[in-house]
Amino acid sequence: MTDLEYMDRAESALAAIECACDRLNDATEADIDNQRVGGMITLSFPNGSQLIVNLQKPLQEIWLAARSGGYHYRHDGTAWVDTKTGEEFFSNLSREASLQAGLRLDFSA
């Protein structure tokens, strides 16, 4: 994938996260504070926990930092998948956000 293709796909993923936070805040009591600085989004939850999504341009990856650990995702032509487990990014983000928020939250591309 070219650098331009990576940036298009990665920026789309970050935009989807921002839109999902707005949707979830309207539809649930999640109260997720999302702040974006460049290629990084920090999701803060009322209990003080955070999820951090960060673009890694040199590696063409998206990284997710959560209480359970750090995850690295590469685009396989269809979706962002974990480089170790093959798990899809938005599925993992949904699981991690749900754990930290204490209620079911669904993120999608």
Protein backbone atom coordinates (compact mmCIF):
# COMPACT_ATOMS: atom_id res chain seq x y z
CA MET A 1 0.00 0.00 0.00
CA THR A 2 1.28 3.46 -0.78
CA ASP A 3 1.71 6.10 1.92
CA LEU A 4 -1.24 8.01 0.45
CA GLU A 5 -3.48 4.93 0.57
CA TYR A 6 -2.41 4.29 4.16
CA MET A 7 -3.23 7.85 5.20
CA ASP A 8 -6.63 7.74 3.48
CA ARG A 9 -7.56 4.49 5.24
CA ALA A 10 -6.10 5.53 8.58
CA GLU A 11 -7.80 8.95 8.55
CA SER A 12 -11.09 7.24 7.69
CA ALA A 13 -10.66 5.00 10.73
CA LEU A 14 -10.01 7.98 13.02
CA ALA A 15 -13.02 9.83 11.60
CA ALA A 16 -15.17 6.73 12.21
CA ILE A 17 -14.02 6.64 15.85
CA GLU A 18 -14.92 10.31 16.34
CA CYS A 19 -18.37 9.80 14.76
CA ALA A 20 -18.97 6.68 16.86
CA CYS A 21 -18.15 8.57 20.06
CA ASP A 22 -20.71 11.26 19.17
CA ARG A 23 -23.31 8.59 18.35
CA LEU A 24 -22.60 6.60 21.52
CA ASN A 25 -22.74 9.70 23.71
CA ASP A 26 -26.16 10.56 22.24
CA ALA A 27 -27.53 7.00 22.50
CA THR A 28 -26.03 5.82 25.81
CA GLU A 29 -24.73 7.12 29.12
CA ALA A 30 -21.13 6.36 28.11
CA ASP A 31 -19.98 10.01 28.33
CA ILE A 32 -16.81 9.39 26.29
CA ASP A 33 -14.58 12.42 25.97
CA ASN A 34 -12.64 12.11 22.73
CA GLN A 35 -9.78 14.43 21.88
CA ARG A 36 -7.82 14.32 18.66
CA VAL A 37 -4.36 15.77 18.20
CA GLY A 38 -2.91 15.04 14.75
CA GLY A 39 -2.89 11.29 14.24
CA MET A 40 -3.85 10.43 17.81
CA ILE A 41 -7.24 10.14 19.51
CA THR A 42 -7.59 9.80 23.26
CA LEU A 43 -10.87 8.38 24.53
CA SER A 44 -11.42 9.22 28.20
CA PHE A 45 -14.10 7.53 30.30
CA PRO A 46 -15.84 8.84 33.44
CA ASN A 47 -13.92 6.33 35.61
CA GLY A 48 -10.62 7.98 34.58
CA SER A 49 -9.51 5.24 32.22
CA GLN A 50 -8.40 5.94 28.67
CA LEU A 51 -7.96 4.31 25.28
CA ILE A 52 -5.41 5.80 22.92
CA VAL A 53 -5.48 5.24 19.16
CA ASN A 54 -2.36 6.40 17.36
CA LEU A 55 -1.27 6.31 13.72
CA GLN A 56 2.18 4.90 13.05
CA LYS A 57 2.96 6.24 9.57
CA PRO A 58 6.44 4.70 9.11
CA LEU A 59 5.01 1.22 9.81
CA GLN A 60 1.64 1.89 8.12
CA GLU A 61 -0.11 0.72 11.28
CA ILE A 62 -2.71 1.87 13.77
CA TRP A 63 -1.85 1.27 17.42
CA LEU A 64 -4.33 0.89 20.27
CA ALA A 65 -3.29 1.30 23.90
CA ALA A 66 -5.76 -0.11 26.43
CA ARG A 67 -5.73 -1.36 30.01
CA SER A 68 -5.30 -4.89 28.67
CA GLY A 69 -2.22 -3.98 26.62
CA GLY A 70 -1.06 -2.57 23.31
CA TYR A 71 -2.24 -3.70 19.89
CA HIS A 72 -0.84 -3.08 16.41
CA TYR A 73 -3.05 -3.21 13.30
CA ARG A 74 -2.20 -3.34 9.59
CA HIS A 75 -4.67 -2.99 6.76
CA ASP A 76 -5.07 -6.27 4.87
CA GLY A 77 -6.91 -4.74 1.91
CA THR A 78 -10.28 -5.11 3.61
CA ALA A 79 -9.90 -4.20 7.28
CA TRP A 80 -7.41 -3.23 9.98
CA VAL A 81 -6.24 -6.49 11.61
CA ASP A 82 -4.07 -7.18 14.65
CA THR A 83 -0.57 -8.19 13.61
CA LYS A 84 -0.49 -10.96 16.26
CA THR A 85 -4.04 -12.28 16.55
CA GLY A 86 -5.72 -11.27 13.29
CA GLU A 87 -8.56 -9.66 15.26
CA GLU A 88 -10.29 -6.77 13.51
CA PHE A 89 -9.58 -3.29 14.91
CA PHE A 90 -13.14 -2.02 15.45
CA SER A 91 -14.17 -5.29 17.08
CA ASN A 92 -11.28 -5.00 19.53
CA LEU A 93 -11.95 -1.29 20.10
CA SER A 94 -15.59 -2.11 20.90
CA ARG A 95 -14.56 -4.79 23.40
CA GLU A 96 -11.96 -2.60 25.11
CA ALA A 97 -14.24 0.45 25.27
CA SER A 98 -17.09 -1.68 26.66
CA LEU A 99 -14.81 -3.03 29.39
CA GLN A 100 -13.64 0.43 30.38
CA ALA A 101 -17.07 2.07 30.18
CA GLY A 102 -18.91 -0.74 31.95
CA LEU A 103 -21.55 -0.96 29.23
CA ARG A 104 -21.77 -2.37 25.72
CA LEU A 105 -20.35 0.02 23.12
CA ASP A 106 -20.15 -0.70 19.40
CA PHE A 107 -17.60 0.97 17.13
CA SER A 108 -17.54 0.29 13.40
CA ALA A 109 -15.72 1.48 10.30
